[in-house]
Amino acid sequence: MALSPISSFHPDSESPLLGLRNDPTPKERRHIWTLMSQSWRETLTAEQFVEQSDHMFTTAPLARNGGLTIWFLTDTTRPPDGRPVFCSCETYRKRALVSSDPGTVSEKIIHGIASVFTEPRYRRRGYAARMMTDLAVALKTWQPDCDVAGSVLYSDIGKGFYAGFGWHPLANNWHVEICAYGDASSLPEIEEIAVGLTVKRLCEDDLAQLCLDDEAMVRKAMAASKGGEIKSRVCVIPDLNHMRWHHSKEEFTAANFGAGRVPTFKGVLVGDKAEGNRIWAIWTHRWYRRPGPLDGAGTRNTLYVLRLVVEGGIKDGDDGGDGGKGYHGTQQQVEQMKALVDAMRFEAMAWELDLVKIWDPSPLVMNLLSRTGVSPNVWQREKEEIASLLWYGPGNVDEGEVEWVGNEKYAWC
């Protein structure tokens, strides 16, 4: 029986025949991924996108062992492999830290929602609204062994639609952009970028310990007291599984769109662990089009900074930002940040990427950037990649009572 057959059967979105399922057969998975490719294949063919999705589903640590769930709204009276897919999405199980009382930090789960898609012939019938309504209820108790604090999605259709179902936009949906135009062959070797500083390219094997060090600092920062109207703080843990998920995507893409190579370097570190003054960035390469001059208004290929860490920038009662406490960073940190930015631009140019993006940099990072001589463009996102949170704990997101700590690219899905 053909999947999602074309027929005149278009049930009302409130029909009791409709239901949300998360048990697609292998054929149904491929069908759903084929539909999704219409919006997200970028430089890949539809078949390559399906192959990438299957590769991620079976090998990426964030997706394995029930980490990734595929949901779809369907006619529940139809048998497997004969069910229409009126609307679909994916969710990822993410480790998160939550602090609702000063000094108390607990580990919970945040479900990340991705790839919400309705096939064109089924649009404007209320199916997406029905799916999101049902999903908001289902995720609260999905995988009962998990202590779920909420769910997050990254809207590409503005702030209003998902807010109507409980996913309210966060306050810190902004980023900075640094242009990467130039010729990488004219740059010095990356280790020679900053005389007197230790600059190290990061490979895959370097990331595990850095992520553990980062998590320890985040846990300390989350335990610090926050004043004002904040009732809860939440942070998706920047663990190795998140970094590997992004890197698996970039490696598959690079290997399949004709680049002839895959990225070896996953970031850069400046400083020494023994001195406790390191600054590092973990990045990923994103190709929205084949490399080359930008023609017209196309999307620019980007080196995304998944996570930027300033070691020593976190003090007791300080989450790494200025926070009005007068902590602006040292001159050494300024020099380290300049070396870090130079390394980012070097990597972007080496891969013919157009720019570097850093999501939600802390006040400390912005202060250091301003003192390097770099003039990044600052963008407040209003339409695309709007992080939006459905929260089950104390406080209301839309009233500013819940703080999302570090809305950086690593948590995006």
Protein backbone atom coordinates (compact mmCIF):
# COMPACT_ATOMS: atom_id res chain seq x y z
CA MET A 1 0.00 0.00 0.00
CA ALA A 2 1.37 3.43 -0.93
CA LEU A 3 2.27 5.83 1.82
CA SER A 4 0.15 8.94 2.41
CA PRO A 5 -2.12 8.26 -0.58
CA ILE A 6 -3.65 11.20 -2.42
CA SER A 7 -7.35 11.06 -1.69
CA SER A 8 -10.31 13.26 -0.96
CA PHE A 9 -10.13 12.33 2.73
CA HIS A 10 -9.20 15.52 4.55
CA PRO A 11 -10.65 15.14 8.05
CA ASP A 12 -11.38 18.15 10.16
CA SER A 13 -8.46 19.02 12.42
CA GLU A 14 -10.67 18.37 15.46
CA SER A 15 -11.76 14.95 14.23
CA PRO A 16 -11.49 12.14 16.81
CA LEU A 17 -10.06 9.98 14.01
CA LEU A 18 -6.87 12.04 14.12
CA GLY A 19 -4.14 11.24 16.58
CA LEU A 20 -0.50 11.92 17.30
CA ARG A 21 1.73 8.89 16.81
CA ASN A 22 5.45 8.30 17.38
CA ASP A 23 5.85 4.82 15.93
CA PRO A 24 6.68 5.29 12.24
CA THR A 25 7.77 2.21 10.34
CA PRO A 26 11.08 2.40 8.43
CA LYS A 27 9.12 3.19 5.25
CA GLU A 28 7.14 5.89 7.03
CA ARG A 29 10.35 7.40 8.42
CA ARG A 30 11.79 7.68 4.92
CA HIS A 31 8.54 9.19 3.68
CA ILE A 32 8.57 11.80 6.46
CA TRP A 33 12.22 12.66 5.79
CA THR A 34 11.50 12.96 2.07
CA LEU A 35 8.76 15.47 2.86
CA MET A 36 11.07 17.40 5.19
CA SER A 37 13.72 17.62 2.48
CA GLN A 38 11.54 20.14 0.67
CA SER A 39 12.44 22.71 3.33
CA TRP A 40 15.78 21.61 4.80
CA ARG A 41 17.91 19.75 2.26
CA GLU A 42 19.94 22.87 1.34
CA THR A 43 22.94 21.66 -0.74
CA LEU A 44 21.86 18.01 -0.62
CA THR A 45 19.52 16.18 -2.96
CA ALA A 46 16.30 14.82 -1.49
CA GLU A 47 17.78 11.31 -1.43
CA GLN A 48 20.96 12.54 0.24
CA PHE A 49 18.87 14.34 2.86
CA VAL A 50 17.04 11.10 3.62
CA GLU A 51 20.38 9.29 3.86
CA GLN A 52 21.71 11.97 6.20
CA SER A 53 18.60 11.75 8.38
CA ASP A 54 18.91 7.98 8.61
CA HIS A 55 22.63 8.29 9.35
CA MET A 56 21.93 10.74 12.18
CA PHE A 57 19.05 8.61 13.49
CA THR A 58 21.24 5.52 13.80
CA THR A 59 24.66 6.94 14.71
CA ALA A 60 24.46 10.38 16.36
CA PRO A 61 24.70 10.03 20.17
CA LEU A 62 22.01 12.68 20.70
CA ALA A 63 19.59 10.64 18.56
CA ARG A 64 20.40 7.07 19.59
CA ASN A 65 18.66 5.05 22.31
CA GLY A 66 15.41 6.96 22.14
CA GLY A 67 17.04 10.38 22.03
CA LEU A 68 15.25 11.20 18.77
CA THR A 69 11.51 10.67 18.39
CA ILE A 70 9.55 11.19 15.18
CA TRP A 71 5.96 12.36 15.68
CA PHE A 72 3.21 12.58 13.08
CA LEU A 73 -0.47 13.46 12.98
CA THR A 74 -2.42 10.79 11.16
CA ASP A 75 -5.66 8.90 10.73
CA THR A 76 -5.44 6.43 13.61
CA THR A 77 -7.83 4.00 11.89
CA ARG A 78 -5.33 3.30 9.11
CA PRO A 79 -2.70 0.52 9.34
CA PRO A 80 1.07 1.11 9.44
CA ASP A 81 2.56 1.93 6.02
CA GLY A 82 -0.89 3.08 4.93
CA ARG A 83 -1.26 6.06 7.26
CA PRO A 84 -1.39 9.59 5.81
CA VAL A 85 1.11 12.03 7.31
CA PHE A 86 -0.85 15.25 7.78
CA CYS A 87 1.89 16.91 9.82
CA SER A 88 5.13 15.77 11.44
CA CYS A 89 8.05 16.84 13.62
CA GLU A 90 11.02 15.46 15.54
CA THR A 91 11.98 15.81 19.19
CA TYR A 92 15.38 15.40 20.84
CA ARG A 93 15.88 14.54 24.49
CA LYS A 94 18.31 17.08 25.96
CA ARG A 95 19.97 17.14 29.36
CA ALA A 96 19.35 20.42 31.13
CA LEU A 97 20.13 22.13 34.42
CA VAL A 98 17.37 23.91 36.31
CA SER A 99 17.67 26.22 39.30
CA SER A 100 14.56 27.53 41.01
CA ASP A 101 16.10 28.11 44.45
CA PRO A 102 19.48 29.77 45.13
CA GLY A 103 22.19 27.19 45.57
CA THR A 104 20.04 24.34 44.25
CA VAL A 105 20.64 22.88 40.79
CA SER A 106 18.85 19.82 39.46
CA GLU A 107 19.31 17.92 36.22
CA LYS A 108 16.17 17.51 34.15
CA ILE A 109 15.15 16.96 30.55
CA ILE A 110 14.22 19.56 27.95
CA HIS A 111 12.70 18.18 24.76
CA GLY A 112 13.94 20.02 21.67
CA ILE A 113 11.38 20.18 18.86
CA ALA A 114 12.61 20.30 15.27
CA SER A 115 11.43 20.03 11.67
CA VAL A 116 7.76 20.88 12.08
CA PHE A 117 6.40 20.24 8.58
CA THR A 118 3.05 20.02 6.84
CA GLU A 119 2.89 18.73 3.29
CA PRO A 120 1.62 21.56 1.02
CA ARG A 121 -1.60 19.76 0.04
CA TYR A 122 -2.56 19.46 3.73
CA ARG A 123 -1.83 23.06 4.74
CA ARG A 124 -4.38 25.62 5.96
CA ARG A 125 -6.52 22.89 7.50
CA GLY A 126 -5.41 23.31 11.11
CA TYR A 127 -3.30 20.15 11.20
CA ALA A 128 -0.16 21.86 12.51
CA ALA A 129 -2.20 23.51 15.26
CA ARG A 130 -3.72 20.16 16.21
CA MET A 131 -0.32 18.48 16.28
CA MET A 132 1.27 21.17 18.44
CA THR A 133 -1.70 21.15 20.83
CA ASP A 134 -1.41 17.39 21.28
CA LEU A 135 2.39 17.51 21.44
CA ALA A 136 2.37 20.06 24.27
CA VAL A 137 0.46 17.53 26.37
CA ALA A 138 2.32 14.42 25.22
CA LEU A 139 5.85 15.70 25.88
CA LYS A 140 5.13 16.39 29.54
CA THR A 141 4.95 12.66 30.26
CA TRP A 142 6.78 11.23 27.24
CA GLN A 143 9.47 8.76 28.31
CA PRO A 144 8.25 8.46 31.92
CA ASP A 145 11.74 7.74 33.27
CA CYS A 146 12.62 11.38 32.46
CA ASP A 147 12.02 14.38 34.71
CA VAL A 148 10.80 16.84 32.07
CA ALA A 149 11.13 20.57 32.74
CA GLY A 150 9.77 21.78 29.41
CA SER A 151 10.38 21.85 25.68
CA VAL A 152 12.03 24.27 23.29
CA LEU A 153 11.63 24.92 19.58
CA TYR A 154 13.26 27.34 17.16
CA SER A 155 10.55 29.02 15.11
CA ASP A 156 11.21 30.07 11.52
CA ILE A 157 7.76 31.66 11.21
CA GLY A 158 8.03 34.44 13.78
CA LYS A 159 6.97 34.63 17.39
CA GLY A 160 3.19 34.42 17.30
CA PHE A 161 2.11 31.01 16.01
CA TYR A 162 3.84 28.76 18.54
CA ALA A 163 3.17 31.16 21.43
CA GLY A 164 -0.49 30.34 20.94
CA PHE A 165 0.24 26.76 22.04
CA GLY A 166 2.47 27.65 24.98
CA TRP A 167 5.93 28.06 23.41
CA HIS A 168 6.80 31.65 24.31
CA PRO A 169 9.79 33.39 22.69
CA LEU A 170 12.83 33.93 24.88
CA ALA A 171 14.23 37.39 25.47
CA ASN A 172 17.74 36.59 24.25
CA ASN A 173 17.11 35.75 20.58
CA TRP A 174 20.02 37.69 19.15
CA HIS A 175 23.45 37.13 17.66
CA VAL A 176 26.49 38.90 16.27
CA GLU A 177 27.95 38.46 12.81
CA ILE A 178 31.57 38.87 11.78
CA CYS A 179 32.36 39.00 8.07
CA ALA A 180 34.91 36.50 6.81
CA TYR A 181 35.70 37.89 3.38
CA GLY A 182 39.25 37.50 2.11
CA ASP A 183 41.75 34.92 0.98
CA ALA A 184 42.77 32.31 3.54
CA SER A 185 46.02 31.68 1.66
CA SER A 186 47.18 35.18 2.60
CA LEU A 187 46.75 34.54 6.33
CA PRO A 188 49.51 33.29 8.63
CA GLU A 189 49.33 29.82 10.10
CA ILE A 190 46.69 29.73 12.80
CA GLU A 191 49.25 28.98 15.52
CA GLU A 192 51.08 32.19 14.50
CA ILE A 193 48.03 34.43 14.78
CA ALA A 194 48.94 35.76 18.24
CA VAL A 195 52.57 35.96 19.29
CA GLY A 196 53.02 35.03 22.95
CA LEU A 197 49.70 33.19 23.22
CA THR A 198 49.04 29.47 23.08
CA VAL A 199 46.63 28.87 20.19
CA LYS A 200 45.43 25.32 19.52
CA ARG A 201 43.18 23.98 16.83
CA LEU A 202 40.62 21.63 18.34
CA CYS A 203 40.04 18.20 16.85
CA GLU A 204 37.32 15.72 17.74
CA ASP A 205 39.40 14.07 20.46
CA ASP A 206 39.89 17.40 22.24
CA LEU A 207 36.21 18.08 22.83
CA ALA A 208 35.18 15.56 25.49
CA GLN A 209 37.27 17.04 28.30
CA LEU A 210 36.47 20.61 27.30
CA CYS A 211 32.75 19.83 27.46
CA LEU A 212 33.17 18.32 30.93
CA ASP A 213 35.11 21.39 32.08
CA ASP A 214 32.42 23.61 30.60
CA GLU A 215 29.61 21.69 32.32
CA ALA A 216 31.33 22.04 35.69
CA MET A 217 31.51 25.82 35.23
CA VAL A 218 27.89 25.99 34.12
CA ARG A 219 26.75 24.05 37.19
CA LYS A 220 28.61 26.50 39.43
CA ALA A 221 27.11 29.49 37.66
CA MET A 222 23.59 28.05 37.79
CA ALA A 223 23.82 27.75 41.57
CA ALA A 224 24.48 31.48 41.94
CA SER A 225 21.67 33.70 43.17
CA LYS A 226 19.76 35.83 40.65
CA GLY A 227 17.69 38.76 41.78
CA GLY A 228 14.79 40.60 40.22
CA GLU A 229 11.74 38.75 38.98
CA ILE A 230 13.57 35.56 37.95
CA LYS A 231 11.89 32.48 39.44
CA SER A 232 13.67 29.79 37.43
CA ARG A 233 16.84 29.45 35.40
CA VAL A 234 17.39 26.76 32.80
CA CYS A 235 20.34 25.77 30.64
CA VAL A 236 20.67 22.95 28.14
CA ILE A 237 23.95 21.29 29.07
CA PRO A 238 26.59 21.97 26.39
CA ASP A 239 27.72 18.35 26.34
CA LEU A 240 29.66 16.36 23.78
CA ASN A 241 26.51 14.75 22.35
CA HIS A 242 25.27 18.14 21.19
CA MET A 243 28.58 19.00 19.55
CA ARG A 244 28.79 15.63 17.82
CA TRP A 245 25.26 16.02 16.46
CA HIS A 246 26.21 19.24 14.68
CA HIS A 247 29.52 17.82 13.51
CA SER A 248 27.86 14.69 12.12
CA LYS A 249 25.61 16.93 10.02
CA GLU A 250 28.47 19.06 8.70
CA GLU A 251 30.64 16.04 7.90
CA PHE A 252 27.88 14.29 5.97
CA THR A 253 27.05 17.45 4.05
CA ALA A 254 30.67 18.19 3.15
CA ALA A 255 31.21 14.62 1.99
CA ASN A 256 28.13 14.65 -0.25
CA PHE A 257 27.89 18.02 -1.97
CA GLY A 258 31.26 17.84 -3.71
CA ALA A 259 33.63 19.59 -1.31
CA GLY A 260 36.08 16.72 -1.64
CA ARG A 261 37.00 16.92 2.05
CA VAL A 262 35.38 17.14 5.47
CA PRO A 263 36.17 19.61 8.27
CA THR A 264 38.91 18.34 10.55
CA PHE A 265 39.01 21.22 12.99
CA LYS A 266 36.06 21.62 15.35
CA GLY A 267 37.11 24.81 17.11
CA VAL A 268 40.02 26.70 18.62
CA LEU A 269 41.40 27.25 22.11
CA VAL A 270 43.58 30.12 23.34
CA GLY A 271 45.39 29.95 26.70
CA ASP A 272 46.67 27.38 29.18
CA LYS A 273 44.69 25.07 31.46
CA ALA A 274 47.34 25.31 34.18
CA GLU A 275 46.70 29.04 34.44
CA GLY A 276 42.92 28.66 34.32
CA ASN A 277 42.58 31.41 31.74
CA ARG A 278 41.49 29.60 28.58
CA ILE A 279 39.06 30.92 26.01
CA TRP A 280 37.67 28.48 23.48
CA ALA A 281 35.10 28.19 20.76
CA ILE A 282 33.54 25.06 19.26
CA TRP A 283 32.07 25.62 15.81
CA THR A 284 30.27 24.00 12.91
CA HIS A 285 30.20 24.71 9.18
CA ARG A 286 26.80 25.29 7.53
CA TRP A 287 26.32 25.34 3.78
CA TYR A 288 23.01 26.76 2.58
CA ARG A 289 24.32 26.81 -1.00
CA ARG A 290 27.39 25.58 -2.84
CA PRO A 291 30.52 27.63 -2.08
CA GLY A 292 31.22 30.58 -4.31
CA PRO A 293 30.26 34.24 -4.72
CA LEU A 294 26.90 35.13 -3.22
CA ASP A 295 24.42 35.71 -6.02
CA GLY A 296 21.63 38.08 -5.08
CA ALA A 297 19.80 37.60 -1.80
CA GLY A 298 20.75 33.98 -1.13
CA THR A 299 21.46 32.74 2.38
CA ARG A 300 25.08 33.15 3.35
CA ASN A 301 27.16 30.11 4.22
CA THR A 302 28.12 30.39 7.87
CA LEU A 303 30.61 29.27 10.47
CA TYR A 304 28.38 28.97 13.54
CA VAL A 305 30.00 29.17 16.94
CA LEU A 306 28.21 26.41 18.83
CA ARG A 307 29.69 27.36 22.18
CA LEU A 308 32.06 30.12 23.34
CA VAL A 309 33.63 29.75 26.79
CA VAL A 310 35.68 32.25 28.79
CA GLU A 311 37.36 30.33 31.59
CA GLY A 312 37.74 32.49 34.66
CA GLY A 313 34.94 34.68 33.40
CA ILE A 314 32.64 32.94 35.85
CA LYS A 315 33.04 34.16 39.41
CA ASP A 316 30.94 33.56 42.48
CA GLY A 317 27.60 35.24 41.82
CA ASP A 318 28.55 36.02 38.20
CA ASP A 319 27.39 33.99 35.18
CA GLY A 320 30.23 35.15 32.99
CA GLY A 321 28.77 38.50 32.06
CA ASP A 322 29.29 41.98 33.36
CA GLY A 323 26.03 41.92 35.30
CA GLY A 324 26.60 45.45 36.54
CA LYS A 325 29.41 44.22 38.79
CA GLY A 326 32.15 46.02 36.90
CA TYR A 327 33.76 42.83 35.59
CA HIS A 328 34.98 43.73 32.11
CA GLY A 329 37.79 41.24 31.53
CA THR A 330 41.54 41.64 31.53
CA GLN A 331 43.77 42.91 28.74
CA GLN A 332 45.06 39.37 28.35
CA GLN A 333 41.50 38.20 27.71
CA VAL A 334 41.12 40.93 25.09
CA GLU A 335 44.21 39.62 23.29
CA GLN A 336 42.93 36.06 23.58
CA MET A 337 39.56 37.08 22.15
CA LYS A 338 41.27 38.80 19.22
CA ALA A 339 43.21 35.59 18.50
CA LEU A 340 39.99 33.59 18.78
CA VAL A 341 38.19 35.84 16.28
CA ASP A 342 41.12 35.71 13.87
CA ALA A 343 41.04 31.91 14.06
CA MET A 344 37.30 31.87 13.36
CA ARG A 345 37.73 34.07 10.30
CA PHE A 346 40.64 31.93 9.17
CA GLU A 347 38.48 28.80 9.32
CA ALA A 348 35.55 30.50 7.57
CA MET A 349 37.73 31.73 4.72
CA ALA A 350 39.43 28.35 4.38
CA TRP A 351 36.00 26.81 3.71
CA GLU A 352 34.67 29.70 1.58
CA LEU A 353 32.10 30.62 4.20
CA ASP A 354 30.74 34.15 4.19
CA LEU A 355 30.54 34.98 7.86
CA VAL A 356 30.85 33.90 11.49
CA LYS A 357 27.81 33.92 13.79
CA ILE A 358 27.90 33.91 17.58
CA TRP A 359 24.55 33.48 19.33
CA ASP A 360 23.75 35.21 22.61
CA PRO A 361 27.29 36.30 23.58
CA SER A 362 27.54 37.25 27.24
CA PRO A 363 28.16 40.86 28.30
CA LEU A 364 31.74 39.85 29.04
CA VAL A 365 32.24 38.47 25.53
CA MET A 366 30.69 41.58 23.98
CA ASN A 367 32.96 43.78 26.07
CA LEU A 368 36.03 41.82 24.99
CA LEU A 369 34.94 41.92 21.35
CA SER A 370 34.49 45.68 21.47
CA ARG A 371 38.06 46.07 22.73
CA THR A 372 39.62 43.90 20.01
CA GLY A 373 38.88 46.38 17.24
CA VAL A 374 36.40 43.97 15.68
CA SER A 375 33.07 45.59 14.82
CA PRO A 376 30.50 42.79 14.68
CA ASN A 377 27.01 43.41 13.38
CA VAL A 378 24.36 42.83 16.04
CA TRP A 379 21.06 41.25 15.01
CA GLN A 380 17.89 40.71 17.01
CA ARG A 381 16.08 37.78 15.44
CA GLU A 382 12.38 38.47 14.87
CA LYS A 383 11.40 35.95 12.21
CA GLU A 384 13.73 32.95 12.07
CA GLU A 385 15.41 30.71 14.66
CA ILE A 386 13.32 32.16 17.49
CA ALA A 387 14.02 30.06 20.57
CA SER A 388 10.66 29.51 22.26
CA LEU A 389 10.07 27.68 25.53
CA LEU A 390 7.13 25.73 26.93
CA TRP A 391 7.87 25.65 30.65
CA TYR A 392 6.42 23.37 33.30
CA GLY A 393 8.26 24.83 36.31
CA PRO A 394 7.91 27.96 38.48
CA GLY A 395 7.56 31.25 36.62
CA ASN A 396 6.09 32.44 33.34
CA VAL A 397 8.30 32.75 30.26
CA ASP A 398 6.22 35.54 28.71
CA GLU A 399 6.48 37.60 31.89
CA GLY A 400 10.26 37.38 32.08
CA GLU A 401 10.29 35.10 35.12
CA VAL A 402 12.26 32.28 33.47
CA GLU A 403 15.85 32.88 32.38
CA TRP A 404 17.32 30.75 29.60
CA VAL A 405 21.05 30.75 30.30
CA GLY A 406 23.20 30.64 27.18
CA ASN A 407 20.89 30.59 24.17
CA GLU A 408 23.80 29.46 22.01
CA LYS A 409 23.74 27.53 18.76
CA TYR A 410 24.71 24.14 20.23
CA ALA A 411 21.20 23.70 21.67
CA TRP A 412 19.48 24.45 18.35
CA CYS A 413 17.85 21.55 16.55
